[in-house]
């Protein structure tokens, strides 16, 4: 299950970020996961819960934004959502369109606890 490797990589990146911002307490991490990224979002959520349990990240919340596959036609420049693997341009019929969204797998944001909440 490569979702566990993804979770470990995200937490490693957060550890590095926390070193750069000493004293910051992260409350939430947002991930952007594309439809074509080959990630099972439910497994990713479950893996996250398992990996952070009983660690300093246990209070960290995970939010996932799922990104639909979008294509652009090189001919007429139309942009559209590719549903059911149909990637031909609905405007002009061009078969060779370009994927412009849906391959993402990235940290979109990290929320930090308000300092006034710190004990």
PDB file of N, CA and C in Angstrom:
ATOM      1  N   UNK A   1       0.850  -1.172   0.000  1.00  0.00           N
ATOM      2  CA  UNK A   1       0.000   0.000   0.000  1.00  0.00           C
ATOM      3  C   UNK A   1       0.897   1.236   0.000  1.00  0.00           C
ATOM      4  N   UNK A   2       1.047   1.874  -1.163  1.00  0.00           N
ATOM      5  CA  UNK A   2       1.930   3.026  -1.249  1.00  0.00           C
ATOM      6  C   UNK A   2       1.362   4.260  -0.563  1.00  0.00           C
ATOM      7  N   UNK A   3       0.104   4.220  -0.160  1.00  0.00           N
ATOM      8  CA  UNK A   3      -0.480   5.333   0.576  1.00  0.00           C
ATOM      9  C   UNK A   3       0.255   5.573   1.887  1.00  0.00           C
ATOM     10  N   UNK A   4       0.760   4.504   2.515  1.00  0.00           N
ATOM     11  CA  UNK A   4       1.540   4.673   3.745  1.00  0.00           C
ATOM     12  C   UNK A   4       2.847   5.401   3.464  1.00  0.00           C
ATOM     13  N   UNK A   5       3.461   5.116   2.334  1.00  0.00           N
ATOM     14  CA  UNK A   5       4.687   5.824   1.948  1.00  0.00           C
ATOM     15  C   UNK A   5       4.388   7.300   1.696  1.00  0.00           C
ATOM     16  N   UNK A   6       3.222   7.588   1.129  1.00  0.00           N
ATOM     17  CA  UNK A   6       2.823   8.974   0.897  1.00  0.00           C
ATOM     18  C   UNK A   6       2.651   9.692   2.230  1.00  0.00           C
ATOM     19  N   UNK A   7       1.971   9.051   3.177  1.00  0.00           N
ATOM     20  CA  UNK A   7       1.778   9.641   4.500  1.00  0.00           C
ATOM     21  C   UNK A   7       3.127   9.907   5.156  1.00  0.00           C
ATOM     22  N   UNK A   8       4.027   8.942   5.090  1.00  0.00           N
ATOM     23  CA  UNK A   8       5.357   9.116   5.691  1.00  0.00           C
ATOM     24  C   UNK A   8       6.097  10.282   5.052  1.00  0.00           C
ATOM     25  N   UNK A   9       5.997  10.402   3.742  1.00  0.00           N
ATOM     26  CA  UNK A   9       6.653  11.498   3.034  1.00  0.00           C
ATOM     27  C   UNK A   9       6.073  12.850   3.449  1.00  0.00           C
ATOM     28  N   UNK A  10       4.759  12.933   3.570  1.00  0.00           N
ATOM     29  CA  UNK A  10       4.115  14.176   3.998  1.00  0.00           C
ATOM     30  C   UNK A  10       4.587  14.553   5.398  1.00  0.00           C
ATOM     31  N   UNK A  11       4.608  13.585   6.309  1.00  0.00           N
ATOM     32  CA  UNK A  11       5.028  13.873   7.679  1.00  0.00           C
ATOM     33  C   UNK A  11       6.505  14.259   7.746  1.00  0.00           C
ATOM     34  N   UNK A  12       7.335  13.645   6.912  1.00  0.00           N
ATOM     35  CA  UNK A  12       8.749  14.035   6.834  1.00  0.00           C
ATOM     36  C   UNK A  12       8.879  15.494   6.390  1.00  0.00           C
ATOM     37  N   UNK A  13       8.080  15.880   5.398  1.00  0.00           N
ATOM     38  CA  UNK A  13       8.105  17.267   4.925  1.00  0.00           C
ATOM     39  C   UNK A  13       7.623  18.225   6.012  1.00  0.00           C
ATOM     40  N   UNK A  14       6.625  17.806   6.773  1.00  0.00           N
ATOM     41  CA  UNK A  14       6.134  18.644   7.862  1.00  0.00           C
ATOM     42  C   UNK A  14       7.169  18.760   8.979  1.00  0.00           C
ATOM     43  N   UNK A  15       7.902  17.672   9.247  1.00  0.00           N
ATOM     44  CA  UNK A  15       8.986  17.734  10.237  1.00  0.00           C
ATOM     45  C   UNK A  15      10.019  18.776   9.822  1.00  0.00           C
ATOM     46  N   UNK A  16      10.385  18.775   8.535  1.00  0.00           N
ATOM     47  CA  UNK A  16      11.351  19.755   8.027  1.00  0.00           C
ATOM     48  C   UNK A  16      10.803  21.179   8.135  1.00  0.00           C
ATOM     49  N   UNK A  17       9.537  21.344   7.795  1.00  0.00           N
ATOM     50  CA  UNK A  17       8.907  22.657   7.872  1.00  0.00           C
ATOM     51  C   UNK A  17       8.845  23.149   9.313  1.00  0.00           C
ATOM     52  N   UNK A  18       8.584  22.229  10.224  1.00  0.00           N
ATOM     53  CA  UNK A  18       8.502  22.608  11.629  1.00  0.00           C
ATOM     54  C   UNK A  18       9.860  23.043  12.169  1.00  0.00           C
ATOM     55  N   UNK A  19      10.936  22.456  11.665  1.00  0.00           N
ATOM     56  CA  UNK A  19      12.283  22.878  12.062  1.00  0.00           C
ATOM     57  C   UNK A  19      12.547  24.325  11.640  1.00  0.00           C
ATOM     58  N   UNK A  20      11.985  24.720  10.507  1.00  0.00           N
ATOM     59  CA  UNK A  20      12.169  26.078  10.002  1.00  0.00           C
ATOM     60  C   UNK A  20      11.323  27.093  10.773  1.00  0.00           C
ATOM     61  N   UNK A  21      10.267  26.611  11.416  1.00  0.00           N
ATOM     62  CA  UNK A  21       9.339  27.490  12.148  1.00  0.00           C
ATOM     63  C   UNK A  21       9.206  26.980  13.577  1.00  0.00           C
ATOM     64  N   UNK A  22      10.301  27.083  14.314  1.00  0.00           N
ATOM     65  CA  UNK A  22      10.339  26.560  15.680  1.00  0.00           C
ATOM     66  C   UNK A  22       9.203  27.113  16.525  1.00  0.00           C
ATOM     67  N   UNK A  23       8.580  26.259  17.270  1.00  0.00           N
ATOM     68  CA  UNK A  23       7.492  26.647  18.147  1.00  0.00           C
ATOM     69  C   UNK A  23       6.122  26.606  17.490  1.00  0.00           C
ATOM     70  N   UNK A  24       6.072  26.526  16.175  1.00  0.00           N
ATOM     71  CA  UNK A  24       4.784  26.460  15.481  1.00  0.00           C
ATOM     72  C   UNK A  24       4.149  25.099  15.726  1.00  0.00           C
ATOM     73  N   UNK A  25       2.856  25.115  15.956  1.00  0.00           N
ATOM     74  CA  UNK A  25       2.111  23.868  16.107  1.00  0.00           C
ATOM     75  C   UNK A  25       1.134  23.752  14.952  1.00  0.00           C
ATOM     76  N   UNK A  26       1.358  22.757  14.129  1.00  0.00           N
ATOM     77  CA  UNK A  26       0.493  22.555  12.969  1.00  0.00           C
ATOM     78  C   UNK A  26      -0.791  21.863  13.409  1.00  0.00           C
ATOM     79  N   UNK A  27      -1.920  22.384  12.931  1.00  0.00           N
ATOM     80  CA  UNK A  27      -3.203  21.801  13.313  1.00  0.00           C
ATOM     81  C   UNK A  27      -3.854  21.021  12.165  1.00  0.00           C
ATOM     82  N   UNK A  28      -3.516  21.390  10.923  1.00  0.00           N
ATOM     83  CA  UNK A  28      -4.146  20.731   9.780  1.00  0.00           C
ATOM     84  C   UNK A  28      -3.197  20.761   8.585  1.00  0.00           C
ATOM     85  N   UNK A  29      -3.229  19.682   7.824  1.00  0.00           N
ATOM     86  CA  UNK A  29      -2.514  19.641   6.554  1.00  0.00           C
ATOM     87  C   UNK A  29      -3.526  19.315   5.472  1.00  0.00           C
ATOM     88  N   UNK A  30      -3.442  20.074   4.391  1.00  0.00           N
ATOM     89  CA  UNK A  30      -4.333  19.846   3.257  1.00  0.00           C
ATOM     90  C   UNK A  30      -3.554  19.271   2.096  1.00  0.00           C
ATOM     91  N   UNK A  31      -4.055  18.188   1.543  1.00  0.00           N
ATOM     92  CA  UNK A  31      -3.427  17.558   0.387  1.00  0.00           C
ATOM     93  C   UNK A  31      -4.316  17.717  -0.825  1.00  0.00           C
ATOM     94  N   UNK A  32      -3.699  17.892  -1.974  1.00  0.00           N
ATOM     95  CA  UNK A  32      -4.407  17.937  -3.245  1.00  0.00           C
ATOM     96  C   UNK A  32      -4.062  16.644  -3.970  1.00  0.00           C
ATOM     97  N   UNK A  33      -5.077  15.822  -4.257  1.00  0.00           N
ATOM     98  CA  UNK A  33      -4.867  14.508  -4.864  1.00  0.00           C
ATOM     99  C   UNK A  33      -5.671  14.421  -6.160  1.00  0.00           C
ATOM    100  N   UNK A  34      -4.964  14.262  -7.252  1.00  0.00           N
ATOM    101  CA  UNK A  34      -5.606  14.177  -8.558  1.00  0.00           C
ATOM    102  C   UNK A  34      -6.190  12.807  -8.841  1.00  0.00           C
ATOM    103  N   UNK A  35      -7.209  12.805  -9.650  1.00  0.00           N
ATOM    104  CA  UNK A  35      -7.899  11.581 -10.059  1.00  0.00           C
ATOM    105  C   UNK A  35      -6.941  10.585 -10.716  1.00  0.00           C
ATOM    106  N   UNK A  36      -5.908  11.091 -11.386  1.00  0.00           N
ATOM    107  CA  UNK A  36      -4.958  10.237 -12.099  1.00  0.00           C
ATOM    108  C   UNK A  36      -3.714   9.911 -11.277  1.00  0.00           C
ATOM    109  N   UNK A  37      -3.662  10.337 -10.021  1.00  0.00           N
ATOM    110  CA  UNK A  37      -2.466  10.159  -9.196  1.00  0.00           C
ATOM    111  C   UNK A  37      -2.263   8.711  -8.738  1.00  0.00           C
ATOM    112  N   UNK A  38      -3.273   7.885  -8.913  1.00  0.00           N
ATOM    113  CA  UNK A  38      -3.136   6.487  -8.507  1.00  0.00           C
ATOM    114  C   UNK A  38      -3.178   6.293  -7.004  1.00  0.00           C
ATOM    115  N   UNK A  39      -3.916   7.162  -6.324  1.00  0.00           N
ATOM    116  CA  UNK A  39      -4.004   7.112  -4.868  1.00  0.00           C
ATOM    117  C   UNK A  39      -5.430   6.792  -4.465  1.00  0.00           C
ATOM    118  N   UNK A  40      -5.582   5.811  -3.590  1.00  0.00           N
ATOM    119  CA  UNK A  40      -6.881   5.501  -3.011  1.00  0.00           C
ATOM    120  C   UNK A  40      -7.059   6.439  -1.817  1.00  0.00           C
ATOM    121  N   UNK A  41      -7.942   7.416  -1.961  1.00  0.00           N
ATOM    122  CA  UNK A  41      -8.111   8.459  -0.951  1.00  0.00           C
ATOM    123  C   UNK A  41      -8.560   7.872   0.389  1.00  0.00           C
ATOM    124  N   UNK A  42      -9.427   6.869   0.373  1.00  0.00           N
ATOM    125  CA  UNK A  42      -9.869   6.246   1.627  1.00  0.00           C
ATOM    126  C   UNK A  42      -8.693   5.557   2.326  1.00  0.00           C
ATOM    127  N   UNK A  43      -7.851   4.879   1.552  1.00  0.00           N
ATOM    128  CA  UNK A  43      -6.661   4.239   2.130  1.00  0.00           C
ATOM    129  C   UNK A  43      -5.693   5.280   2.661  1.00  0.00           C
ATOM    130  N   UNK A  44      -5.589   6.400   1.968  1.00  0.00           N
ATOM    131  CA  UNK A  44      -4.714   7.478   2.423  1.00  0.00           C
ATOM    132  C   UNK A  44      -5.194   8.021   3.767  1.00  0.00           C
ATOM    133  N   UNK A  45      -6.490   8.250   3.889  1.00  0.00           N
ATOM    134  CA  UNK A  45      -7.053   8.739   5.163  1.00  0.00           C
ATOM    135  C   UNK A  45      -6.815   7.722   6.285  1.00  0.00           C
ATOM    136  N   UNK A  46      -7.096   6.461   6.003  1.00  0.00           N
ATOM    137  CA  UNK A  46      -6.909   5.416   7.010  1.00  0.00           C
ATOM    138  C   UNK A  46      -5.438   5.297   7.396  1.00  0.00           C
ATOM    139  N   UNK A  47      -4.558   5.308   6.407  1.00  0.00           N
ATOM    140  CA  UNK A  47      -3.123   5.224   6.671  1.00  0.00           C
ATOM    141  C   UNK A  47      -2.643   6.394   7.507  1.00  0.00           C
ATOM    142  N   UNK A  48      -3.159   7.579   7.216  1.00  0.00           N
ATOM    143  CA  UNK A  48      -2.794   8.766   7.986  1.00  0.00           C
ATOM    144  C   UNK A  48      -3.171   8.590   9.449  1.00  0.00           C
ATOM    145  N   UNK A  49      -4.411   8.154   9.686  1.00  0.00           N
ATOM    146  CA  UNK A  49      -4.874   7.941  11.066  1.00  0.00           C
ATOM    147  C   UNK A  49      -3.996   6.934  11.798  1.00  0.00           C
ATOM    148  N   UNK A  50      -3.613   5.871  11.123  1.00  0.00           N
ATOM    149  CA  UNK A  50      -2.776   4.835  11.737  1.00  0.00           C
ATOM    150  C   UNK A  50      -1.366   5.340  12.041  1.00  0.00           C
ATOM    151  N   UNK A  51      -0.783   6.058  11.092  1.00  0.00           N
ATOM    152  CA  UNK A  51       0.603   6.497  11.245  1.00  0.00           C
ATOM    153  C   UNK A  51       0.755   7.578  12.313  1.00  0.00           C
ATOM    154  N   UNK A  52      -0.202   8.501  12.409  1.00  0.00           N
ATOM    155  CA  UNK A  52      -0.054   9.597  13.381  1.00  0.00           C
ATOM    156  C   UNK A  52      -0.438   9.191  14.804  1.00  0.00           C
ATOM    157  N   UNK A  53      -1.147   8.095  14.948  1.00  0.00           N
ATOM    158  CA  UNK A  53      -1.600   7.660  16.280  1.00  0.00           C
ATOM    159  C   UNK A  53      -0.404   7.491  17.217  1.00  0.00           C
ATOM    160  N   UNK A  54      -0.534   8.052  18.413  1.00  0.00           N
ATOM    161  CA  UNK A  54       0.485   7.968  19.465  1.00  0.00           C
ATOM    162  C   UNK A  54       1.812   8.606  19.060  1.00  0.00           C
ATOM    163  N   UNK A  55       1.744   9.619  18.186  1.00  0.00           N
ATOM    164  CA  UNK A  55       2.942  10.385  17.822  1.00  0.00           C
ATOM    165  C   UNK A  55       2.674  11.861  18.115  1.00  0.00           C
ATOM    166  N   UNK A  56       3.697  12.694  17.911  1.00  0.00           N
ATOM    167  CA  UNK A  56       3.503  14.134  18.108  1.00  0.00           C
ATOM    168  C   UNK A  56       2.573  14.729  17.041  1.00  0.00           C
ATOM    169  N   UNK A  57       2.232  13.967  16.018  1.00  0.00           N
ATOM    170  CA  UNK A  57       1.316  14.427  14.978  1.00  0.00           C
ATOM    171  C   UNK A  57      -0.127  13.979  15.227  1.00  0.00           C
ATOM    172  N   UNK A  58      -0.408  13.342  16.340  1.00  0.00           N
ATOM    173  CA  UNK A  58      -1.731  12.762  16.570  1.00  0.00           C
ATOM    174  C   UNK A  58      -2.870  13.783  16.460  1.00  0.00           C
ATOM    175  N   UNK A  59      -2.630  15.022  16.828  1.00  0.00           N
ATOM    176  CA  UNK A  59      -3.692  16.041  16.774  1.00  0.00           C
ATOM    177  C   UNK A  59      -3.804  16.711  15.407  1.00  0.00           C
ATOM    178  N   UNK A  60      -2.925  16.350  14.492  1.00  0.00           N
ATOM    179  CA  UNK A  60      -2.936  16.930  13.155  1.00  0.00           C
ATOM    180  C   UNK A  60      -4.117  16.398  12.351  1.00  0.00           C
ATOM    181  N   UNK A  61      -4.911  17.304  11.811  1.00  0.00           N
ATOM    182  CA  UNK A  61      -6.052  16.915  10.980  1.00  0.00           C
ATOM    183  C   UNK A  61      -5.608  16.841   9.522  1.00  0.00           C
ATOM    184  N   UNK A  62      -6.239  15.971   8.786  1.00  0.00           N
ATOM    185  CA  UNK A  62      -5.962  15.810   7.364  1.00  0.00           C
ATOM    186  C   UNK A  62      -7.186  16.212   6.561  1.00  0.00           C
ATOM    187  N   UNK A  63      -6.978  17.048   5.563  1.00  0.00           N
ATOM    188  CA  UNK A  63      -8.041  17.410   4.641  1.00  0.00           C
ATOM    189  C   UNK A  63      -7.535  17.093   3.237  1.00  0.00           C
ATOM    190  N   UNK A  64      -8.383  16.465   2.443  1.00  0.00           N
ATOM    191  CA  UNK A  64      -7.991  16.071   1.095  1.00  0.00           C
ATOM    192  C   UNK A  64      -8.915  16.720   0.079  1.00  0.00           C
ATOM    193  N   UNK A  65      -8.319  17.408  -0.875  1.00  0.00           N
ATOM    194  CA  UNK A  65      -9.061  17.971  -2.002  1.00  0.00           C
ATOM    195  C   UNK A  65      -8.822  17.046  -3.192  1.00  0.00           C
ATOM    196  N   UNK A  66      -9.886  16.448  -3.685  1.00  0.00           N
ATOM    197  CA  UNK A  66      -9.767  15.575  -4.843  1.00  0.00           C
ATOM    198  C   UNK A  66      -9.924  16.415  -6.110  1.00  0.00           C
ATOM    199  N   UNK A  67      -8.966  16.257  -7.023  1.00  0.00           N
ATOM    200  CA  UNK A  67      -8.931  17.058  -8.245  1.00  0.00           C
ATOM    201  C   UNK A  67      -9.332  16.188  -9.431  1.00  0.00           C
ATOM    202  N   UNK A  68     -10.372  16.618 -10.129  1.00  0.00           N
ATOM    203  CA  UNK A  68     -10.867  15.884 -11.294  1.00  0.00           C
ATOM    204  C   UNK A  68      -9.913  16.059 -12.479  1.00  0.00           C
ATOM    205  N   UNK A  69      -9.939  15.092 -13.361  1.00  0.00           N
ATOM    206  CA  UNK A  69      -9.139  15.166 -14.581  1.00  0.00           C
ATOM    207  C   UNK A  69      -9.732  16.220 -15.507  1.00  0.00           C
ATOM    208  N   UNK A  70      -8.868  17.128 -15.959  1.00  0.00           N
ATOM    209  CA  UNK A  70      -9.270  18.162 -16.910  1.00  0.00           C
ATOM    210  C   UNK A  70      -8.314  18.132 -18.092  1.00  0.00           C
ATOM    211  N   UNK A  71      -8.873  18.389 -19.259  1.00  0.00           N
ATOM    212  CA  UNK A  71      -8.115  18.362 -20.505  1.00  0.00           C
ATOM    213  C   UNK A  71      -8.210  19.722 -21.195  1.00  0.00           C
ATOM    214  N   UNK A  72      -7.231  19.993 -22.066  1.00  0.00           N
ATOM    215  CA  UNK A  72      -7.271  21.191 -22.920  1.00  0.00           C
ATOM    216  C   UNK A  72      -7.043  20.742 -24.359  1.00  0.00           C
ATOM    217  N   UNK A  73      -7.831  21.297 -25.236  1.00  0.00           N
ATOM    218  CA  UNK A  73      -7.703  21.003 -26.659  1.00  0.00           C
ATOM    219  C   UNK A  73      -6.621  21.921 -27.247  1.00  0.00           C
ATOM    220  N   UNK A  74      -5.616  21.351 -27.921  1.00  0.00           N
ATOM    221  CA  UNK A  74      -4.586  22.193 -28.523  1.00  0.00           C
ATOM    222  C   UNK A  74      -5.098  22.978 -29.737  1.00  0.00           C
ATOM    223  N   UNK A  75      -6.193  22.527 -30.302  1.00  0.00           N
ATOM    224  CA  UNK A  75      -6.754  23.197 -31.473  1.00  0.00           C
ATOM    225  C   UNK A  75      -7.621  24.389 -31.112  1.00  0.00           C
ATOM    226  N   UNK A  76      -8.750  24.120 -30.473  1.00  0.00           N
ATOM    227  CA  UNK A  76      -9.706  25.198 -30.170  1.00  0.00           C
ATOM    228  C   UNK A  76      -9.518  25.801 -28.777  1.00  0.00           C
ATOM    229  N   UNK A  77      -8.596  25.223 -27.986  1.00  0.00           N
ATOM    230  CA  UNK A  77      -8.254  25.722 -26.640  1.00  0.00           C
ATOM    231  C   UNK A  77      -9.350  25.509 -25.596  1.00  0.00           C
ATOM    232  N   UNK A  78     -10.358  24.724 -25.908  1.00  0.00           N
ATOM    233  CA  UNK A  78     -11.416  24.438 -24.940  1.00  0.00           C
ATOM    234  C   UNK A  78     -10.840  23.618 -23.784  1.00  0.00           C
ATOM    235  N   UNK A  79     -11.307  23.898 -22.575  1.00  0.00           N
ATOM    236  CA  UNK A  79     -10.945  23.112 -21.400  1.00  0.00           C
ATOM    237  C   UNK A  79     -12.194  22.401 -20.916  1.00  0.00           C
ATOM    238  N   UNK A  80     -12.016  21.133 -20.516  1.00  0.00           N
ATOM    239  CA  UNK A  80     -13.177  20.342 -20.133  1.00  0.00           C
ATOM    240  C   UNK A  80     -12.777  19.235 -19.172  1.00  0.00           C
ATOM    241  N   UNK A  81     -13.774  18.749 -18.426  1.00  0.00           N
ATOM    242  CA  UNK A  81     -13.572  17.621 -17.528  1.00  0.00           C
ATOM    243  C   UNK A  81     -13.651  16.339 -18.343  1.00  0.00           C
ATOM    244  N   UNK A  82     -12.648  15.493 -18.174  1.00  0.00           N
ATOM    245  CA  UNK A  82     -12.627  14.209 -18.891  1.00  0.00           C
ATOM    246  C   UNK A  82     -13.328  13.179 -18.024  1.00  0.00           C
ATOM    247  N   UNK A  83     -14.496  12.776 -18.434  1.00  0.00           N
ATOM    248  CA  UNK A  83     -15.265  11.798 -17.674  1.00  0.00           C
ATOM    249  C   UNK A  83     -15.260  10.463 -18.399  1.00  0.00           C
ATOM    250  N   UNK A  84     -15.190   9.386 -17.617  1.00  0.00           N
ATOM    251  CA  UNK A  84     -15.189   8.032 -18.172  1.00  0.00           C
ATOM    252  C   UNK A  84     -14.080   7.825 -19.204  1.00  0.00           C
ATOM    253  N   UNK A  85     -12.950   8.466 -18.953  1.00  0.00           N
ATOM    254  CA  UNK A  85     -11.756   8.339 -19.797  1.00  0.00           C
ATOM    255  C   UNK A  85     -11.958   8.880 -21.206  1.00  0.00           C
ATOM    256  N   UNK A  86     -13.014   9.636 -21.429  1.00  0.00           N
ATOM    257  CA  UNK A  86     -13.252  10.250 -22.743  1.00  0.00           C
ATOM    258  C   UNK A  86     -12.478  11.564 -22.799  1.00  0.00           C
ATOM    259  N   UNK A  87     -11.412  11.586 -23.596  1.00  0.00           N
ATOM    260  CA  UNK A  87     -10.548  12.762 -23.634  1.00  0.00           C
ATOM    261  C   UNK A  87     -10.634  13.553 -24.931  1.00  0.00           C
ATOM    262  N   UNK A  88     -11.487  13.140 -25.854  1.00  0.00           N
ATOM    263  CA  UNK A  88     -11.669  13.913 -27.088  1.00  0.00           C
ATOM    264  C   UNK A  88     -12.381  15.220 -26.760  1.00  0.00           C
ATOM    265  N   UNK A  89     -12.017  16.264 -27.472  1.00  0.00           N
ATOM    266  CA  UNK A  89     -12.604  17.583 -27.237  1.00  0.00           C
ATOM    267  C   UNK A  89     -14.096  17.577 -27.582  1.00  0.00           C
ATOM    268  N   UNK A  90     -14.941  17.995 -26.642  1.00  0.00           N
ATOM    269  CA  UNK A  90     -16.377  18.028 -26.921  1.00  0.00           C
ATOM    270  C   UNK A  90     -16.761  19.177 -27.861  1.00  0.00           C
ATOM    271  N   UNK A  91     -15.881  20.152 -28.037  1.00  0.00           N
ATOM    272  CA  UNK A  91     -16.172  21.302 -28.918  1.00  0.00           C
ATOM    273  C   UNK A  91     -15.887  20.999 -30.384  1.00  0.00           C
ATOM    274  N   UNK A  92     -14.652  20.466 -30.635  1.00  0.00           N
ATOM    275  CA  UNK A  92     -14.252  20.293 -32.035  1.00  0.00           C
ATOM    276  C   UNK A  92     -13.945  18.843 -32.413  1.00  0.00           C
ATOM    277  N   UNK A  93     -13.942  17.930 -31.426  1.00  0.00           N
ATOM    278  CA  UNK A  93     -13.711  16.525 -31.700  1.00  0.00           C
ATOM    279  C   UNK A  93     -12.253  16.099 -31.731  1.00  0.00           C
ATOM    280  N   UNK A  94     -11.311  17.028 -31.516  1.00  0.00           N
ATOM    281  CA  UNK A  94      -9.875  16.690 -31.496  1.00  0.00           C
ATOM    282  C   UNK A  94      -9.632  15.562 -30.495  1.00  0.00           C
ATOM    283  N   UNK A  95      -8.947  14.505 -30.942  1.00  0.00           N
ATOM    284  CA  UNK A  95      -8.696  13.344 -30.083  1.00  0.00           C
ATOM    285  C   UNK A  95      -7.476  13.528 -29.187  1.00  0.00           C
ATOM    286  N   UNK A  96      -6.474  14.253 -29.652  1.00  0.00           N
ATOM    287  CA  UNK A  96      -5.203  14.399 -28.919  1.00  0.00           C
ATOM    288  C   UNK A  96      -5.234  15.636 -28.031  1.00  0.00           C
ATOM    289  N   UNK A  97      -5.907  15.533 -26.883  1.00  0.00           N
ATOM    290  CA  UNK A  97      -5.969  16.652 -25.940  1.00  0.00           C
ATOM    291  C   UNK A  97      -4.892  16.483 -24.869  1.00  0.00           C
ATOM    292  N   UNK A  98      -4.666  17.546 -24.117  1.00  0.00           N
ATOM    293  CA  UNK A  98      -3.586  17.594 -23.134  1.00  0.00           C
ATOM    294  C   UNK A  98      -4.181  17.600 -21.725  1.00  0.00           C
ATOM    295  N   UNK A  99      -3.634  16.756 -20.858  1.00  0.00           N
ATOM    296  CA  UNK A  99      -4.073  16.734 -19.458  1.00  0.00           C
ATOM    297  C   UNK A  99      -3.516  17.960 -18.751  1.00  0.00           C
ATOM    298  N   UNK A 100      -4.401  18.753 -18.138  1.00  0.00           N
ATOM    299  CA  UNK A 100      -3.964  19.955 -17.427  1.00  0.00           C
ATOM    300  C   UNK A 100      -4.248  19.885 -15.927  1.00  0.00           C
ATOM    301  N   UNK A 101      -5.004  18.901 -15.490  1.00  0.00           N
ATOM    302  CA  UNK A 101      -5.284  18.727 -14.065  1.00  0.00           C
ATOM    303  C   UNK A 101      -5.678  17.280 -13.824  1.00  0.00           C
ATOM    304  N   UNK A 102      -5.413  16.831 -12.615  1.00  0.00           N
ATOM    305  CA  UNK A 102      -5.801  15.481 -12.237  1.00  0.00           C
ATOM    306  C   UNK A 102      -4.627  14.587 -11.898  1.00  0.00           C
ATOM    307  N   UNK A 103      -3.404  15.085 -12.094  1.00  0.00           N
ATOM    308  CA  UNK A 103      -2.218  14.291 -11.772  1.00  0.00           C
ATOM    309  C   UNK A 103      -1.563  14.747 -10.468  1.00  0.00           C
ATOM    310  N   UNK A 104      -2.154  15.730  -9.796  1.00  0.00           N
ATOM    311  CA  UNK A 104      -1.571  16.317  -8.601  1.00  0.00           C
ATOM    312  C   UNK A 104      -1.463  15.327  -7.446  1.00  0.00           C
ATOM    313  N   UNK A 105      -0.418  15.477  -6.695  1.00  0.00           N
ATOM    314  CA  UNK A 105      -0.254  14.819  -5.401  1.00  0.00           C
ATOM    315  C   UNK A 105       0.695  15.710  -4.631  1.00  0.00           C
ATOM    316  N   UNK A 106       0.118  16.635  -3.863  1.00  0.00           N
ATOM    317  CA  UNK A 106       0.939  17.643  -3.222  1.00  0.00           C
ATOM    318  C   UNK A 106       0.305  18.160  -1.941  1.00  0.00           C
ATOM    319  N   UNK A 107       1.170  18.730  -1.107  1.00  0.00           N
ATOM    320  CA  UNK A 107       0.675  19.441   0.063  1.00  0.00           C
ATOM    321  C   UNK A 107       0.177  20.791  -0.433  1.00  0.00           C
ATOM    322  N   UNK A 108      -1.089  21.075  -0.189  1.00  0.00           N
ATOM    323  CA  UNK A 108      -1.690  22.328  -0.638  1.00  0.00           C
ATOM    324  C   UNK A 108      -1.510  23.426   0.406  1.00  0.00           C
ATOM    325  N   UNK A 109      -1.605  23.056   1.676  1.00  0.00           N
ATOM    326  CA  UNK A 109      -1.452  24.047   2.745  1.00  0.00           C
ATOM    327  C   UNK A 109      -1.216  23.345   4.081  1.00  0.00           C
ATOM    328  N   UNK A 110      -0.730  24.137   5.035  1.00  0.00           N
ATOM    329  CA  UNK A 110      -0.582  23.693   6.416  1.00  0.00           C
ATOM    330  C   UNK A 110      -1.152  24.798   7.288  1.00  0.00           C
ATOM    331  N   UNK A 111      -2.058  24.440   8.184  1.00  0.00           N
ATOM    332  CA  UNK A 111      -2.609  25.419   9.116  1.00  0.00           C
ATOM    333  C   UNK A 111      -1.839  25.340  10.422  1.00  0.00           C
ATOM    334  N   UNK A 112      -1.610  26.503  11.008  1.00  0.00           N
ATOM    335  CA  UNK A 112      -0.864  26.614  12.259  1.00  0.00           C
ATOM    336  C   UNK A 112      -1.830  27.071  13.336  1.00  0.00           C
ATOM    337  N   UNK A 113      -1.714  26.462  14.535  1.00  0.00           N
ATOM    338  CA  UNK A 113      -2.534  26.911  15.664  1.00  0.00           C
ATOM    339  C   UNK A 113      -2.250  28.367  15.956  1.00  0.00           C
ATOM    340  N   UNK A 114      -3.294  29.090  16.302  1.00  0.00           N
ATOM    341  CA  UNK A 114      -3.148  30.478  16.718  1.00  0.00           C
ATOM    342  C   UNK A 114      -2.330  30.499  18.003  1.00  0.00           C
ATOM    343  N   UNK A 115      -1.350  31.381  18.087  1.00  0.00           N
ATOM    344  CA  UNK A 115      -0.464  31.433  19.264  1.00  0.00           C
ATOM    345  C   UNK A 115      -1.247  31.706  20.543  1.00  0.00           C
ATOM    346  N   UNK A 116      -2.392  32.426  20.436  1.00  0.00           N
ATOM    347  CA  UNK A 116      -3.180  32.706  21.631  1.00  0.00           C
ATOM    348  C   UNK A 116      -3.779  31.432  22.225  1.00  0.00           C
ATOM    349  N   UNK A 117      -3.844  30.360  21.419  1.00  0.00           N
ATOM    350  CA  UNK A 117      -4.374  29.095  21.921  1.00  0.00           C
ATOM    351  C   UNK A 117      -3.300  28.284  22.659  1.00  0.00           C
ATOM    352  N   UNK A 118      -2.047  28.693  22.490  1.00  0.00           N
ATOM    353  CA  UNK A 118      -0.950  27.953  23.121  1.00  0.00           C
ATOM    354  C   UNK A 118      -0.960  28.232  24.604  1.00  0.00           C
ATOM    355  N   UNK A 119      -0.763  27.168  25.386  1.00  0.00           N
ATOM    356  CA  UNK A 119      -0.829  27.271  26.821  1.00  0.00           C
ATOM    357  C   UNK A 119       0.237  28.055  27.413  1.00  0.00           C
TER     358      UNK A 119
END
